[in-house]
Amino acid sequence: MGYNRIDICGHLGRDPEFKQTQSGKSMVRLNVAVTEHYNGQENTTWFKVVAFGELAERCHYSSSNK
């Protein structure tokens, strides 16, 4: 089974939501805004991101230690 990877660089829309699943696995939800400037116009795209496990814990730790 393959997977896809995407790197999103932008700004958080609000603080990430950190939760534990019923099985005890860490989960974080966050919204990231990416703004592009082209020919004098600005376009913002919002990404809804969900991370699990160690990555979720890193996102939570990074956002809580501003």
N, C-alpha and C. Protein backbone atom coordinates (compact mmCIF):
# COMPACT_ATOMS: atom_id res chain seq x y z
N MET A 1 0.84 -1.18 0.00
CA MET A 1 0.00 0.00 0.00
C MET A 1 0.88 1.24 0.00
N GLY A 2 0.58 2.19 -0.84
CA GLY A 2 1.35 3.42 -0.91
C GLY A 2 0.66 4.54 -0.16
N TYR A 3 1.33 5.63 -0.05
CA TYR A 3 0.75 6.81 0.58
C TYR A 3 1.26 8.06 -0.11
N ASN A 4 0.57 9.15 0.09
CA ASN A 4 0.97 10.43 -0.46
C ASN A 4 1.43 11.33 0.67
N ARG A 5 2.34 12.21 0.37
CA ARG A 5 2.84 13.15 1.36
C ARG A 5 2.72 14.55 0.79
N ILE A 6 2.30 15.47 1.64
CA ILE A 6 2.21 16.86 1.25
C ILE A 6 2.76 17.70 2.40
N ASP A 7 3.55 18.70 2.06
CA ASP A 7 4.07 19.63 3.06
C ASP A 7 3.30 20.94 2.91
N ILE A 8 2.67 21.36 4.00
CA ILE A 8 1.87 22.58 3.99
C ILE A 8 2.55 23.61 4.87
N CYS A 9 2.91 24.73 4.29
CA CYS A 9 3.54 25.83 5.04
C CYS A 9 2.58 27.01 5.01
N GLY A 10 2.12 27.41 6.19
CA GLY A 10 1.17 28.51 6.25
C GLY A 10 0.99 28.97 7.69
N HIS A 11 -0.17 29.53 7.96
CA HIS A 11 -0.49 30.06 9.28
C HIS A 11 -1.66 29.29 9.88
N LEU A 12 -1.58 29.05 11.19
CA LEU A 12 -2.68 28.38 11.89
C LEU A 12 -3.87 29.33 11.97
N GLY A 13 -5.05 28.78 11.73
CA GLY A 13 -6.27 29.57 11.83
C GLY A 13 -6.72 29.77 13.27
N ARG A 14 -6.41 28.80 14.12
CA ARG A 14 -6.72 28.85 15.56
C ARG A 14 -5.86 27.80 16.24
N ASP A 15 -5.94 27.73 17.55
CA ASP A 15 -5.16 26.73 18.28
C ASP A 15 -5.60 25.33 17.90
N PRO A 16 -4.66 24.41 17.75
CA PRO A 16 -5.00 23.02 17.42
C PRO A 16 -5.85 22.38 18.52
N GLU A 17 -6.74 21.47 18.13
CA GLU A 17 -7.58 20.71 19.07
C GLU A 17 -6.91 19.36 19.31
N PHE A 18 -6.46 19.13 20.53
CA PHE A 18 -5.78 17.88 20.88
C PHE A 18 -6.74 16.99 21.64
N LYS A 19 -6.83 15.72 21.23
CA LYS A 19 -7.72 14.76 21.89
C LYS A 19 -7.06 13.40 21.93
N GLN A 20 -7.62 12.52 22.74
CA GLN A 20 -7.23 11.11 22.77
C GLN A 20 -8.40 10.32 22.19
N THR A 21 -8.11 9.35 21.31
CA THR A 21 -9.17 8.50 20.79
C THR A 21 -9.60 7.52 21.88
N GLN A 22 -10.67 6.79 21.64
CA GLN A 22 -11.15 5.81 22.62
C GLN A 22 -10.10 4.74 22.92
N SER A 23 -9.25 4.46 21.95
CA SER A 23 -8.20 3.46 22.16
C SER A 23 -6.95 4.07 22.80
N GLY A 24 -6.97 5.38 23.08
CA GLY A 24 -5.85 6.03 23.75
C GLY A 24 -4.82 6.64 22.83
N LYS A 25 -5.07 6.62 21.52
CA LYS A 25 -4.13 7.19 20.56
C LYS A 25 -4.31 8.71 20.50
N SER A 26 -3.21 9.45 20.42
CA SER A 26 -3.26 10.91 20.35
C SER A 26 -3.76 11.35 18.98
N MET A 27 -4.53 12.45 18.97
CA MET A 27 -5.05 13.00 17.72
C MET A 27 -5.10 14.51 17.85
N VAL A 28 -4.76 15.21 16.77
CA VAL A 28 -4.86 16.67 16.76
C VAL A 28 -5.51 17.11 15.46
N ARG A 29 -6.38 18.12 15.56
CA ARG A 29 -7.00 18.73 14.37
C ARG A 29 -6.55 20.18 14.32
N LEU A 30 -6.21 20.64 13.11
CA LEU A 30 -5.82 22.03 12.95
C LEU A 30 -6.17 22.53 11.56
N ASN A 31 -6.29 23.84 11.43
CA ASN A 31 -6.57 24.48 10.15
C ASN A 31 -5.38 25.35 9.78
N VAL A 32 -4.92 25.21 8.54
CA VAL A 32 -3.76 25.96 8.06
C VAL A 32 -4.17 26.78 6.84
N ALA A 33 -3.84 28.08 6.87
CA ALA A 33 -4.11 28.97 5.74
C ALA A 33 -2.83 29.18 4.94
N VAL A 34 -2.92 28.97 3.64
CA VAL A 34 -1.79 29.22 2.73
C VAL A 34 -2.23 30.29 1.75
N THR A 35 -1.49 31.40 1.75
CA THR A 35 -1.83 32.53 0.88
C THR A 35 -0.82 32.63 -0.25
N GLU A 36 -1.33 32.72 -1.47
CA GLU A 36 -0.49 32.88 -2.66
C GLU A 36 -0.72 34.26 -3.25
N HIS A 37 0.34 34.85 -3.75
CA HIS A 37 0.27 36.14 -4.43
C HIS A 37 0.69 35.92 -5.88
N TYR A 38 -0.18 36.33 -6.82
CA TYR A 38 0.11 36.12 -8.23
C TYR A 38 -0.54 37.22 -9.04
N ASN A 39 0.24 37.91 -9.86
CA ASN A 39 -0.25 39.00 -10.71
C ASN A 39 -1.03 40.05 -9.92
N GLY A 40 -0.52 40.39 -8.76
CA GLY A 40 -1.16 41.43 -7.94
C GLY A 40 -2.41 40.98 -7.21
N GLN A 41 -2.74 39.71 -7.29
CA GLN A 41 -3.92 39.20 -6.58
C GLN A 41 -3.49 38.25 -5.48
N GLU A 42 -4.35 38.14 -4.49
CA GLU A 42 -4.07 37.29 -3.34
C GLU A 42 -5.14 36.20 -3.25
N ASN A 43 -4.72 34.97 -3.05
CA ASN A 43 -5.65 33.85 -2.92
C ASN A 43 -5.26 33.01 -1.71
N THR A 44 -6.21 32.81 -0.78
CA THR A 44 -5.94 32.01 0.42
C THR A 44 -6.71 30.69 0.33
N THR A 45 -5.98 29.60 0.57
CA THR A 45 -6.57 28.26 0.60
C THR A 45 -6.44 27.72 2.02
N TRP A 46 -7.53 27.18 2.54
CA TRP A 46 -7.53 26.59 3.89
C TRP A 46 -7.44 25.08 3.80
N PHE A 47 -6.59 24.50 4.64
CA PHE A 47 -6.42 23.05 4.71
C PHE A 47 -6.86 22.58 6.09
N LYS A 48 -7.73 21.57 6.14
CA LYS A 48 -8.09 20.92 7.40
C LYS A 48 -7.16 19.73 7.56
N VAL A 49 -6.42 19.70 8.66
CA VAL A 49 -5.39 18.69 8.87
C VAL A 49 -5.71 17.88 10.12
N VAL A 50 -5.55 16.57 10.04
CA VAL A 50 -5.70 15.68 11.19
C VAL A 50 -4.42 14.84 11.27
N ALA A 51 -3.82 14.82 12.46
CA ALA A 51 -2.60 14.04 12.67
C ALA A 51 -2.82 13.09 13.85
N PHE A 52 -2.15 11.95 13.81
CA PHE A 52 -2.29 10.94 14.86
C PHE A 52 -0.93 10.58 15.44
N GLY A 53 -0.96 9.99 16.63
CA GLY A 53 0.23 9.43 17.25
C GLY A 53 1.28 10.47 17.60
N GLU A 54 2.54 10.13 17.32
CA GLU A 54 3.66 10.99 17.69
C GLU A 54 3.58 12.35 17.00
N LEU A 55 3.16 12.38 15.75
CA LEU A 55 3.04 13.66 15.04
C LEU A 55 2.00 14.56 15.72
N ALA A 56 0.90 14.00 16.17
CA ALA A 56 -0.12 14.76 16.88
C ALA A 56 0.44 15.35 18.16
N GLU A 57 1.23 14.56 18.88
CA GLU A 57 1.82 15.04 20.13
C GLU A 57 2.82 16.16 19.86
N ARG A 58 3.58 16.06 18.77
CA ARG A 58 4.52 17.14 18.41
C ARG A 58 3.78 18.43 18.08
N CYS A 59 2.69 18.31 17.32
CA CYS A 59 1.89 19.50 16.97
C CYS A 59 1.33 20.15 18.22
N HIS A 60 0.82 19.34 19.12
CA HIS A 60 0.25 19.84 20.36
C HIS A 60 1.32 20.51 21.22
N TYR A 61 2.48 19.87 21.35
CA TYR A 61 3.57 20.40 22.16
C TYR A 61 4.06 21.72 21.58
N SER A 62 4.22 21.80 20.26
CA SER A 62 4.70 23.02 19.61
C SER A 62 3.74 24.18 19.80
N SER A 63 2.45 23.91 19.70
CA SER A 63 1.47 24.99 19.80
C SER A 63 1.29 25.45 21.25
N SER A 64 1.51 24.58 22.22
CA SER A 64 1.31 24.96 23.62
C SER A 64 2.54 25.63 24.22
N ASN A 65 3.67 25.62 23.53
CA ASN A 65 4.90 26.25 24.02
C ASN A 65 5.30 27.45 23.16
N LYS A 66 4.35 28.35 22.93
CA LYS A 66 4.61 29.53 22.10
C LYS A 66 5.46 30.53 22.85
